[in-house]
Amino acid sequence: MRPHDMGTLFDDAAAGGARTVFHLDRPFDIAPRAGTRWTVAELAALVRATAARLTDAGVRPGDRVAIVKDNHWDYDLLACAAVRVGAVPAQLSARLDTADLLTLLRRLRPAALITTSAVLARCRDAAAAAPLCIAVDTAVPGATHFAALDASGPGAPVRRREDEPLVIHHTSGTTGVPKLVVHSTRTLVHKLARLEAVRYPGIGLRRDDVLCNASAYAHGRTFCWTAVVTALAPARIVVLTGDDPDTADPLLRAYPPTVVEALPATYVRLRPLTARLDNPFRRVRLYISTYDAMHPPALRAYLTASRRAHPLWMQGWGQTETGPLTFRFHTRSSALVPDAASTTRRLGRPVPGRTRLRVVDPDTLHPVPRGRPGLLLVRTPALALGYVGEQERWAAKRVGGWWSTGDVGVHHRDGSVSVLDREADTLPGMSCLRTEDLLEQRLPQALECVIVGAPDGDPLPAVVTADGRLDPDAWKQAAQGLPAMRQPAVLTWDEVPRTGTGKVRRAALARRLTGTAVTGTGRWT
């Protein structure tokens, strides 16, 4: 079975005999008393009941429904329920800054807001952004309680044309206020999910797989992922909502995964589990990462933790607007090469038959030769419909029939692509990303290294460690042979401003450390 309608996704899978069992690290926010074990048929019933509740609340076909809540996979169940009643869900991370969240809500002008009492307490103006406010966790003044709505209505699914808006997701927001990206059934389901919902040899999901996902469920990747895994129906799916190793460990040991997909930041946080005697990654045959490049030390740790003869790491590069653009595979041997930083930043080749890539001078937009850095442009049939409230910005990123990724990179002679930096983050004389990778290889105690511009002089490195400490001699040795930098700011993980996917908000970090953000032009963000 291939996904075709997100509103009836779980009904179709159950009718097709899907026997996947889902295991959660905590109950769904929309079903807090229903436990942590779910079958496909039970999920189908939950989506139908949720759709009935939305109809009872007054949600109608064509309405935009904003969803802002704690991180959990029921983001996608709520979205599927909204699609079922003909509405357009907009999934917004609760980790957004209050000001950014209000900006996005003003752009959306949703008919309904599904949220939590905690979000409403933090962001008092959020409830005023929509005529209808629904609180999923408890009854609060000015909001309808989700549990009090009637779940018994018939809820017949509303069909929509494949080129109409299906869902709205926001970009990570590493360079400023996130953009609101509109996808259709054609772009997200027919072009993205169906391409992935194939049992490719070696990397496709098998019926006996145990799949673990640890993601940011408000973002576009997981909505597509939900369509794919429901159609491919592995034996079990383990859903992690957080990145604390001690919390994740019991569930992972109970159901050791054979395939893992996680945020790069979550891989970093869960890495201590790889060194435990009964490490839960011993059966993994395939690791998957998206959103950001993985650093070589983490790659090595996870590939070594697997007891399989030849575990693979599949790294995808893409954007909310486009979906995956390139894929690259890593093995134990490739992760051990002397210059692994170059290896991890070389993100593979464009998806055959679907993605084309061009590198141009960011000022003249003229093509540059292979091997020279420039602005990366792509062509893909999965390109989204546009930005909500910012269509001029969307149009400005179109270069003829090409789409500007906003990344600076190199198209090599062998067809592969390397990303050097976001154009908005570029600094003269260095690739921040490559320098950060080299520092992390040389500083085993570093969880993460980030380089930001300073208003005068050399750039400032920030080194993230578990305890906020770094030996000065270790830094001096690590920095040898690298571009000139200041003495590092040493921070803990929680001191670094991050997006909902765990990416560092570089401009915000620079402002915090230096008082200003020194960046590229920002023209292509």
Protein backbone atom coordinates (compact mmCIF):
# COMPACT_ATOMS: atom_id res chain seq x y z
CA MET A 1 0.00 0.00 0.00
CA ARG A 2 1.19 3.52 -0.80
CA PRO A 3 -0.05 6.62 1.05
CA HIS A 4 -2.64 8.67 -0.82
CA ASP A 5 -4.93 10.44 1.67
CA MET A 6 -3.67 11.68 5.03
CA GLY A 7 -7.21 11.99 6.38
CA THR A 8 -7.83 8.25 6.06
CA LEU A 9 -4.22 7.09 6.32
CA PHE A 10 -4.68 4.83 9.35
CA ASP A 11 -8.07 3.51 8.20
CA ASP A 12 -6.54 2.49 4.89
CA ALA A 13 -3.57 0.84 6.60
CA ALA A 14 -5.80 -1.08 9.01
CA ALA A 15 -8.02 -2.23 6.13
CA GLY A 16 -4.88 -3.37 4.30
CA GLY A 17 -3.87 -5.60 7.21
CA ALA A 18 -1.07 -3.48 8.72
CA ARG A 19 -0.04 -5.07 12.04
CA THR A 20 2.48 -2.52 13.29
CA VAL A 21 2.52 -1.97 17.07
CA PHE A 22 3.53 1.50 18.27
CA HIS A 23 5.31 2.00 21.61
CA LEU A 24 5.46 5.47 23.14
CA ASP A 25 7.75 6.84 25.85
CA ARG A 26 4.72 8.62 27.33
CA PRO A 27 0.98 8.68 26.55
CA PHE A 28 -0.38 10.92 23.81
CA ASP A 29 -1.39 14.39 24.97
CA ILE A 30 -4.76 13.89 23.22
CA ALA A 31 -5.27 10.48 24.91
CA PRO A 32 -3.48 10.76 28.27
CA ARG A 33 -5.23 7.76 29.85
CA ALA A 34 -4.99 5.38 26.92
CA GLY A 35 -1.52 4.04 27.62
CA THR A 36 1.63 3.77 25.53
CA ARG A 37 0.90 0.79 23.27
CA TRP A 38 -1.15 1.33 20.12
CA THR A 39 -2.17 -0.74 17.10
CA VAL A 40 -2.94 0.72 13.68
CA ALA A 41 -6.66 0.09 14.15
CA GLU A 42 -6.58 1.91 17.49
CA LEU A 43 -4.80 4.86 15.93
CA ALA A 44 -7.40 4.96 13.17
CA ALA A 45 -10.14 5.11 15.80
CA LEU A 46 -8.30 7.88 17.64
CA VAL A 47 -7.99 9.98 14.46
CA ARG A 48 -11.71 9.47 13.71
CA ALA A 49 -12.65 10.49 17.26
CA THR A 50 -10.37 13.52 17.09
CA ALA A 51 -11.92 14.56 13.78
CA ALA A 52 -15.36 14.29 15.35
CA ARG A 53 -14.21 16.49 18.24
CA LEU A 54 -12.89 19.12 15.84
CA THR A 55 -16.21 19.13 13.97
CA ASP A 56 -18.07 19.46 17.27
CA ALA A 57 -15.87 22.44 18.16
CA GLY A 58 -16.80 24.18 14.92
CA VAL A 59 -13.86 23.43 12.60
CA ARG A 60 -15.05 23.46 8.99
CA PRO A 61 -13.60 22.57 5.56
CA GLY A 62 -11.07 25.15 4.38
CA ASP A 63 -10.27 26.39 7.90
CA ARG A 64 -6.68 26.76 9.00
CA VAL A 65 -6.06 24.97 12.30
CA ALA A 66 -2.91 25.90 14.23
CA ILE A 67 -1.43 23.20 16.49
CA VAL A 68 0.99 24.27 19.25
CA LYS A 69 1.71 21.78 22.01
CA ASP A 70 4.32 19.64 23.74
CA ASN A 71 6.52 17.54 21.50
CA HIS A 72 4.81 14.24 20.65
CA TRP A 73 3.79 12.26 17.59
CA ASP A 74 0.13 13.15 18.18
CA TYR A 75 0.97 16.39 16.35
CA ASP A 76 0.55 14.26 13.23
CA LEU A 77 -2.58 12.53 14.49
CA LEU A 78 -4.17 15.94 15.11
CA ALA A 79 -3.06 17.02 11.64
CA CYS A 80 -4.56 13.89 10.06
CA ALA A 81 -7.82 14.57 11.92
CA ALA A 82 -7.87 18.16 10.64
CA VAL A 83 -7.25 16.93 7.09
CA ARG A 84 -10.08 14.44 7.51
CA VAL A 85 -12.59 17.25 8.18
CA GLY A 86 -11.26 19.27 5.24
CA ALA A 87 -9.23 21.77 7.27
CA VAL A 88 -5.58 22.74 6.75
CA PRO A 89 -3.41 21.99 9.80
CA ALA A 90 -0.49 24.29 10.63
CA GLN A 91 1.97 22.58 12.96
CA LEU A 92 3.91 25.08 15.10
CA SER A 93 6.58 24.09 17.61
CA ALA A 94 5.93 25.06 21.22
CA ARG A 95 9.68 25.76 21.43
CA LEU A 96 9.28 28.85 19.27
CA ASP A 97 10.08 32.15 20.97
CA THR A 98 6.90 33.84 22.09
CA ALA A 99 7.41 36.77 19.71
CA ASP A 100 8.01 34.42 16.76
CA LEU A 101 4.98 32.31 17.64
CA LEU A 102 2.74 35.38 17.71
CA THR A 103 4.18 36.55 14.38
CA LEU A 104 3.38 33.20 12.76
CA LEU A 105 -0.12 33.14 14.23
CA ARG A 106 -0.78 36.63 12.86
CA ARG A 107 0.35 35.45 9.42
CA LEU A 108 -1.78 32.33 9.62
CA ARG A 109 -4.97 33.90 10.94
CA PRO A 110 -6.24 30.43 11.91
CA ALA A 111 -9.89 29.66 12.52
CA ALA A 112 -8.86 27.43 15.43
CA LEU A 113 -5.87 27.03 17.73
CA ILE A 114 -5.18 23.67 19.40
CA THR A 115 -2.78 24.18 22.26
CA THR A 116 -2.03 23.60 25.95
CA SER A 117 -2.54 25.52 29.17
CA ALA A 118 1.23 26.00 29.42
CA VAL A 119 1.42 27.68 26.00
CA LEU A 120 -1.52 29.92 26.88
CA ALA A 121 0.10 30.87 30.19
CA ARG A 122 3.38 31.72 28.48
CA CYS A 123 1.80 33.45 25.51
CA ARG A 124 -1.34 35.21 26.70
CA ASP A 125 -2.03 36.76 23.30
CA ALA A 126 -2.09 33.37 21.56
CA ALA A 127 -5.74 32.68 22.42
CA ALA A 128 -6.74 35.96 20.78
CA ALA A 129 -5.10 34.88 17.51
CA ALA A 130 -7.96 32.52 16.65
CA PRO A 131 -11.76 32.71 17.11
CA LEU A 132 -11.70 29.19 18.55
CA CYS A 133 -9.15 27.98 21.10
CA ILE A 134 -8.98 24.31 22.18
CA ALA A 135 -6.82 23.19 25.12
CA VAL A 136 -5.79 19.53 24.92
CA ASP A 137 -4.62 19.07 28.51
CA THR A 138 -7.08 20.79 30.84
CA ALA A 139 -9.98 23.21 31.03
CA VAL A 140 -8.76 26.82 31.06
CA PRO A 141 -10.69 30.11 30.84
CA GLY A 142 -11.28 31.24 27.29
CA ALA A 143 -10.58 27.82 25.76
CA THR A 144 -12.67 24.75 24.97
CA HIS A 145 -11.42 21.59 26.66
CA PHE A 146 -10.56 18.95 24.07
CA ALA A 147 -11.84 16.07 26.24
CA ALA A 148 -15.23 17.75 26.63
CA LEU A 149 -15.92 17.71 22.88
CA ASP A 150 -18.14 15.02 21.35
CA ALA A 151 -16.03 12.22 19.85
CA SER A 152 -18.96 10.14 18.57
CA GLY A 153 -19.92 12.08 15.44
CA PRO A 154 -19.87 10.27 12.08
CA GLY A 155 -16.96 12.35 10.74
CA ALA A 156 -17.12 11.29 7.07
CA PRO A 157 -13.82 12.28 5.43
CA VAL A 158 -13.78 15.37 3.23
CA ARG A 159 -11.83 14.92 0.00
CA ARG A 160 -9.70 17.67 -1.52
CA ARG A 161 -7.96 18.18 -4.83
CA GLU A 162 -4.33 17.13 -4.90
CA ASP A 163 -3.05 20.65 -5.65
CA GLU A 164 -4.97 22.34 -2.84
CA PRO A 165 -3.16 23.21 0.42
CA LEU A 166 -2.81 20.12 2.59
CA VAL A 167 -0.61 21.15 5.51
CA ILE A 168 1.53 24.06 6.70
CA HIS A 169 4.91 23.64 8.39
CA HIS A 170 7.45 26.16 9.55
CA THR A 171 11.14 26.18 8.76
CA SER A 172 13.68 25.72 11.53
CA GLY A 173 14.29 29.43 12.02
CA THR A 174 18.05 29.31 12.47
CA THR A 175 18.47 32.66 10.71
CA GLY A 176 15.42 34.54 12.04
CA VAL A 177 11.65 34.25 12.15
CA PRO A 178 10.64 30.91 10.58
CA LYS A 179 8.77 30.85 7.30
CA LEU A 180 5.39 29.13 6.96
CA VAL A 181 5.60 26.59 4.12
CA VAL A 182 2.47 25.29 2.38
CA HIS A 183 2.52 21.79 0.88
CA SER A 184 -0.18 20.03 -1.12
CA THR A 185 -1.12 16.38 -1.47
CA ARG A 186 0.75 16.35 -4.76
CA THR A 187 4.01 17.72 -3.36
CA LEU A 188 4.10 16.03 0.05
CA VAL A 189 2.30 12.73 -0.51
CA HIS A 190 2.65 11.98 -4.23
CA LYS A 191 6.18 13.34 -4.71
CA LEU A 192 7.84 12.93 -1.30
CA ALA A 193 6.13 10.14 0.63
CA ARG A 194 5.53 7.84 -2.34
CA LEU A 195 9.16 8.06 -3.37
CA GLU A 196 10.18 6.91 0.10
CA ALA A 197 7.42 4.31 0.56
CA VAL A 198 9.30 1.70 -1.49
CA ARG A 199 11.15 -1.29 -0.06
CA TYR A 200 14.51 -0.38 -1.55
CA PRO A 201 17.17 -3.09 -1.09
CA GLY A 202 19.27 -2.46 1.99
CA ILE A 203 17.66 0.83 3.03
CA GLY A 204 13.93 0.23 2.69
CA LEU A 205 11.84 -0.65 5.73
CA ARG A 206 11.16 -4.36 6.18
CA ARG A 207 8.13 -5.95 7.76
CA ASP A 208 10.24 -7.35 10.62
CA ASP A 209 12.00 -4.05 11.41
CA VAL A 210 11.78 -2.28 14.76
CA LEU A 211 11.94 1.40 13.90
CA CYS A 212 12.79 4.08 16.44
CA ASN A 213 12.05 7.73 15.76
CA ALA A 214 13.19 10.57 18.03
CA SER A 215 12.17 13.75 16.30
CA ALA A 216 10.57 17.18 16.52
CA TYR A 217 7.04 16.21 15.58
CA ALA A 218 5.85 19.72 14.67
CA HIS A 219 8.12 19.76 11.63
CA GLY A 220 7.48 18.66 8.08
CA ARG A 221 9.75 15.63 8.06
CA THR A 222 7.60 13.66 10.50
CA PHE A 223 4.31 14.28 8.65
CA CYS A 224 5.87 12.71 5.57
CA TRP A 225 7.47 10.01 7.76
CA THR A 226 4.05 9.18 9.21
CA ALA A 227 2.67 8.54 5.73
CA VAL A 228 5.65 6.36 4.80
CA VAL A 229 5.90 4.14 7.87
CA THR A 230 2.15 3.60 8.09
CA ALA A 231 2.20 2.35 4.51
CA LEU A 232 5.32 0.16 4.88
CA ALA A 233 4.12 -1.30 8.21
CA PRO A 234 7.24 -2.49 10.08
CA ALA A 235 6.71 -4.83 13.03
CA ARG A 236 7.17 -2.17 15.72
CA ILE A 237 7.69 1.57 15.94
CA VAL A 238 9.21 3.17 19.04
CA VAL A 239 8.43 6.88 19.48
CA LEU A 240 10.70 9.02 21.65
CA THR A 241 9.59 12.55 22.54
CA GLY A 242 12.68 13.67 24.45
CA ASP A 243 16.43 13.28 24.40
CA ASP A 244 17.30 12.30 27.98
CA PRO A 245 19.36 9.08 27.81
CA ASP A 246 18.08 7.65 31.08
CA THR A 247 14.45 8.17 30.06
CA ALA A 248 14.94 6.66 26.60
CA ASP A 249 17.07 3.70 27.73
CA PRO A 250 14.35 1.40 29.19
CA LEU A 251 12.11 1.63 26.12
CA LEU A 252 15.02 1.14 23.71
CA ARG A 253 16.26 -1.88 25.64
CA ALA A 254 12.74 -3.35 25.72
CA TYR A 255 12.46 -3.00 21.94
CA PRO A 256 16.00 -2.78 20.48
CA PRO A 257 15.65 -1.01 17.14
CA THR A 258 16.95 -2.21 13.79
CA VAL A 259 16.41 1.20 12.18
CA VAL A 260 16.83 4.56 13.93
CA GLU A 261 15.85 8.01 12.72
CA ALA A 262 16.58 10.94 15.01
CA LEU A 263 17.44 14.61 15.03
CA PRO A 264 21.19 15.26 14.88
CA ALA A 265 20.93 17.04 18.24
CA THR A 266 19.13 14.02 19.72
CA TYR A 267 21.81 11.66 18.46
CA VAL A 268 24.32 13.82 20.33
CA ARG A 269 22.27 13.72 23.54
CA LEU A 270 21.64 9.95 23.39
CA ARG A 271 25.23 9.12 22.54
CA PRO A 272 26.12 7.99 26.12
CA LEU A 273 23.84 4.97 25.55
CA THR A 274 26.24 3.66 22.89
CA ALA A 275 28.91 3.09 25.54
CA ARG A 276 26.74 1.12 27.97
CA LEU A 277 27.29 -2.59 28.38
CA ASP A 278 23.79 -3.46 27.16
CA ASN A 279 23.70 -0.74 24.51
CA PRO A 280 20.29 -0.57 22.81
CA PHE A 281 21.75 0.05 19.34
CA ARG A 282 23.36 -3.37 18.96
CA ARG A 283 20.80 -4.56 16.37
CA VAL A 284 20.73 -1.40 14.23
CA ARG A 285 21.33 -1.98 10.52
CA LEU A 286 20.42 1.55 9.38
CA TYR A 287 20.68 5.00 10.95
CA ILE A 288 18.92 7.95 9.31
CA SER A 289 19.54 11.64 9.91
CA THR A 290 18.10 14.78 8.35
CA TYR A 291 17.82 18.49 9.23
CA ASP A 292 21.55 19.00 9.79
CA ALA A 293 24.90 17.30 9.15
CA MET A 294 26.14 14.75 11.66
CA HIS A 295 29.55 15.29 13.22
CA PRO A 296 32.14 12.51 12.74
CA PRO A 297 32.56 11.51 16.42
CA ALA A 298 28.82 10.82 16.77
CA LEU A 299 28.76 8.86 13.50
CA ARG A 300 31.60 6.67 14.70
CA ALA A 301 30.03 6.07 18.12
CA TYR A 302 26.71 4.83 16.71
CA LEU A 303 28.15 2.77 13.87
CA THR A 304 30.53 1.12 16.35
CA ALA A 305 27.65 0.43 18.76
CA SER A 306 25.91 -1.75 16.18
CA ARG A 307 26.95 -5.40 16.21
CA ARG A 308 25.84 -5.83 12.60
CA ALA A 309 28.60 -6.64 10.14
CA HIS A 310 27.89 -3.66 7.88
CA PRO A 311 25.63 -1.02 9.44
CA LEU A 312 24.81 1.99 7.26
CA TRP A 313 24.19 5.64 8.02
CA MET A 314 21.95 7.47 5.54
CA GLN A 315 22.28 11.24 5.74
CA GLY A 316 19.77 13.36 3.88
CA TRP A 317 20.05 17.02 2.97
CA GLY A 318 16.96 19.01 2.14
CA GLN A 319 14.62 21.73 3.29
CA THR A 320 11.03 22.13 4.45
CA GLU A 321 10.25 23.73 1.09
CA THR A 322 11.72 20.90 -0.99
CA GLY A 323 11.96 17.70 1.00
CA PRO A 324 15.14 15.60 0.55
CA LEU A 325 17.48 16.79 -2.17
CA THR A 326 20.55 14.57 -1.74
CA PHE A 327 21.48 11.39 0.11
CA ARG A 328 24.85 10.21 1.35
CA PHE A 329 25.76 6.89 2.96
CA HIS A 330 28.40 6.40 5.65
CA THR A 331 29.98 3.18 6.87
CA ARG A 332 32.37 2.44 9.72
CA SER A 333 35.32 2.81 7.35
CA SER A 334 34.18 6.12 5.82
CA ALA A 335 33.61 7.58 9.29
CA LEU A 336 37.21 6.72 10.22
CA VAL A 337 38.97 8.48 7.34
CA PRO A 338 41.52 11.10 8.51
CA ASP A 339 39.55 14.07 7.16
CA ALA A 340 36.09 12.88 8.17
CA ALA A 341 34.90 16.47 8.42
CA SER A 342 35.07 16.80 4.64
CA THR A 343 33.33 13.45 4.33
CA THR A 344 30.34 14.41 6.49
CA ARG A 345 29.87 17.77 4.78
CA ARG A 346 29.85 16.08 1.37
CA LEU A 347 26.15 15.33 1.33
CA GLY A 348 25.90 12.99 -1.62
CA ARG A 349 24.37 13.35 -5.06
CA PRO A 350 20.99 14.76 -6.10
CA VAL A 351 18.13 12.25 -5.97
CA PRO A 352 18.23 10.53 -9.39
CA GLY A 353 15.43 11.45 -11.75
CA ARG A 354 13.94 13.95 -9.36
CA THR A 355 16.39 16.63 -8.26
CA ARG A 356 18.69 18.83 -10.30
CA LEU A 357 21.31 21.12 -8.81
CA ARG A 358 23.18 24.22 -9.96
CA VAL A 359 25.77 26.44 -8.26
CA VAL A 360 25.81 30.16 -9.08
CA ASP A 361 27.62 33.29 -8.02
CA PRO A 362 25.38 34.83 -5.31
CA ASP A 363 25.86 38.34 -6.71
CA THR A 364 25.59 37.81 -10.49
CA LEU A 365 23.59 34.52 -10.43
CA HIS A 366 25.86 33.26 -13.22
CA PRO A 367 26.82 29.56 -13.01
CA VAL A 368 30.23 28.80 -11.51
CA PRO A 369 32.43 25.86 -12.57
CA ARG A 370 32.36 22.52 -10.78
CA GLY A 371 34.53 22.56 -7.69
CA ARG A 372 34.04 26.25 -6.91
CA PRO A 373 31.80 27.50 -4.08
CA GLY A 374 28.61 29.39 -4.74
CA LEU A 375 24.91 29.61 -3.97
CA LEU A 376 23.12 26.26 -4.33
CA LEU A 377 20.02 26.22 -6.53
CA VAL A 378 17.76 23.21 -7.05
CA ARG A 379 14.89 21.98 -9.17
CA THR A 380 12.40 19.46 -7.75
CA PRO A 381 8.78 18.53 -8.51
CA ALA A 382 8.20 18.43 -4.73
CA LEU A 383 8.67 22.19 -4.30
CA ALA A 384 6.06 23.62 -1.95
CA LEU A 385 3.28 26.01 -2.98
CA GLY A 386 4.62 29.08 -1.17
CA TYR A 387 4.97 30.96 2.11
CA VAL A 388 1.93 32.05 4.11
CA GLY A 389 1.87 35.86 4.27
CA GLU A 390 5.23 36.19 2.49
CA GLN A 391 4.65 35.44 -1.18
CA GLU A 392 7.01 38.23 -2.23
CA ARG A 393 9.75 36.55 -0.22
CA TRP A 394 8.89 33.26 -1.90
CA ALA A 395 9.06 34.84 -5.35
CA ALA A 396 12.42 36.45 -4.51
CA LYS A 397 13.94 33.00 -3.93
CA ARG A 398 12.95 31.82 -7.40
CA VAL A 399 15.73 32.18 -9.97
CA GLY A 400 14.07 31.40 -13.26
CA GLY A 401 12.93 27.80 -12.91
CA TRP A 402 15.30 27.23 -10.00
CA TRP A 403 14.89 27.50 -6.23
CA SER A 404 17.53 29.08 -4.00
CA THR A 405 18.34 26.93 -0.98
CA GLY A 406 20.16 29.77 0.78
CA ASP A 407 23.15 27.44 1.26
CA VAL A 408 26.66 28.08 0.03
CA GLY A 409 28.31 24.95 -1.26
CA VAL A 410 30.28 23.16 -3.95
CA HIS A 411 29.10 20.88 -6.76
CA HIS A 412 32.03 18.51 -7.23
CA ARG A 413 33.16 16.95 -10.48
CA ASP A 414 31.82 13.55 -9.39
CA GLY A 415 28.34 15.03 -9.01
CA SER A 416 28.31 15.14 -5.22
CA VAL A 417 27.49 18.23 -3.17
CA SER A 418 29.23 19.80 -0.18
CA VAL A 419 27.57 22.46 1.98
CA LEU A 420 29.96 25.01 3.45
CA ASP A 421 27.58 27.34 5.32
CA ARG A 422 24.20 29.00 5.22
CA GLU A 423 24.63 32.15 3.13
CA ALA A 424 23.32 34.19 6.07
CA ASP A 425 26.05 32.73 8.31
CA THR A 426 29.06 33.04 6.02
CA LEU A 427 32.27 34.53 7.40
CA PRO A 428 35.28 35.56 5.28
CA GLY A 429 38.17 33.12 5.08
CA MET A 430 36.54 30.01 6.52
CA SER A 431 33.78 27.46 6.32
CA CYS A 432 32.23 27.60 9.78
CA LEU A 433 30.71 24.14 9.40
CA ARG A 434 33.94 22.43 8.38
CA THR A 435 35.94 24.18 11.10
CA GLU A 436 33.37 23.13 13.68
CA ASP A 437 33.63 19.51 12.55
CA LEU A 438 37.42 19.58 12.89
CA LEU A 439 37.20 21.07 16.37
CA GLU A 440 34.75 18.39 17.46
CA GLN A 441 37.08 15.66 16.23
CA ARG A 442 39.93 17.17 18.22
CA LEU A 443 37.90 17.86 21.38
CA PRO A 444 36.32 14.58 22.56
CA GLN A 445 34.75 16.38 25.54
CA ALA A 446 32.85 18.78 23.23
CA LEU A 447 29.18 18.04 22.63
CA GLU A 448 29.09 20.70 19.95
CA CYS A 449 31.19 23.56 18.54
CA VAL A 450 29.69 26.67 16.94
CA ILE A 451 31.52 29.58 15.32
CA VAL A 452 29.87 33.00 15.12
CA GLY A 453 31.05 36.31 13.76
CA ALA A 454 32.20 39.12 16.02
CA PRO A 455 31.77 42.84 15.30
CA ASP A 456 35.53 43.43 15.24
CA GLY A 457 38.34 41.00 14.62
CA ASP A 458 38.39 37.23 14.58
CA PRO A 459 35.26 35.07 14.91
CA LEU A 460 34.22 33.67 18.27
CA PRO A 461 33.95 29.91 18.82
CA ALA A 462 31.47 28.54 21.33
CA VAL A 463 32.31 25.10 22.73
CA VAL A 464 29.46 23.17 24.35
CA THR A 465 30.46 20.68 27.06
CA ALA A 466 28.51 18.71 29.64
CA ASP A 467 29.71 20.85 32.55
CA GLY A 468 30.55 24.14 30.84
CA ARG A 469 34.29 23.64 31.28
CA LEU A 470 37.18 23.25 28.85
CA ASP A 471 40.88 22.78 29.50
CA PRO A 472 42.78 25.75 27.95
CA ASP A 473 45.61 23.52 26.75
CA ALA A 474 43.13 21.19 25.02
CA TRP A 475 41.67 24.19 23.19
CA LYS A 476 45.10 25.49 22.18
CA GLN A 477 46.02 22.13 20.69
CA ALA A 478 42.67 21.73 18.93
CA ALA A 479 42.88 25.16 17.29
CA GLN A 480 46.32 24.59 15.75
CA GLY A 481 46.31 24.94 11.98
CA LEU A 482 42.76 26.31 11.86
CA PRO A 483 41.73 29.85 10.87
CA ALA A 484 42.36 32.50 13.52
CA MET A 485 39.70 32.55 16.24
CA ARG A 486 39.21 34.17 19.61
CA GLN A 487 39.41 32.31 22.88
CA PRO A 488 36.26 30.19 23.12
CA ALA A 489 33.11 30.81 25.07
CA VAL A 490 32.42 27.56 26.93
CA LEU A 491 28.74 26.79 27.48
CA THR A 492 26.46 23.99 28.58
CA TRP A 493 23.86 22.52 26.22
CA ASP A 494 20.93 24.44 27.74
CA GLU A 495 22.75 27.78 27.48
CA VAL A 496 22.64 27.65 23.68
CA PRO A 497 19.52 29.07 21.92
CA ARG A 498 18.02 26.37 19.72
CA THR A 499 15.22 25.73 17.28
CA GLY A 500 12.56 23.08 17.80
CA THR A 501 14.78 20.61 15.93
CA GLY A 502 17.78 21.30 18.17
CA LYS A 503 19.66 23.41 15.63
CA VAL A 504 21.67 26.31 16.99
CA ARG A 505 20.13 29.71 16.33
CA ARG A 506 23.42 31.25 15.32
CA ALA A 507 22.32 34.86 15.07
CA ALA A 508 20.71 34.67 18.52
CA LEU A 509 23.84 33.04 19.95
CA ALA A 510 26.03 35.73 18.39
CA ARG A 511 23.88 38.49 19.86
CA ARG A 512 24.05 36.85 23.26
CA LEU A 513 27.84 36.47 23.19
CA THR A 514 28.94 39.57 21.28
CA GLY A 515 25.99 41.96 21.35
CA THR A 516 25.46 41.79 17.60
CA ALA A 517 25.12 39.27 14.78
CA VAL A 518 27.69 39.45 12.00
CA THR A 519 26.31 37.51 9.05
CA GLY A 520 26.16 37.29 5.29
CA THR A 521 23.69 39.31 3.25
CA GLY A 522 20.64 37.30 4.31
CA ARG A 523 19.19 37.91 0.84
CA TRP A 524 18.40 34.24 0.27
CA THR A 525 16.88 33.29 3.65
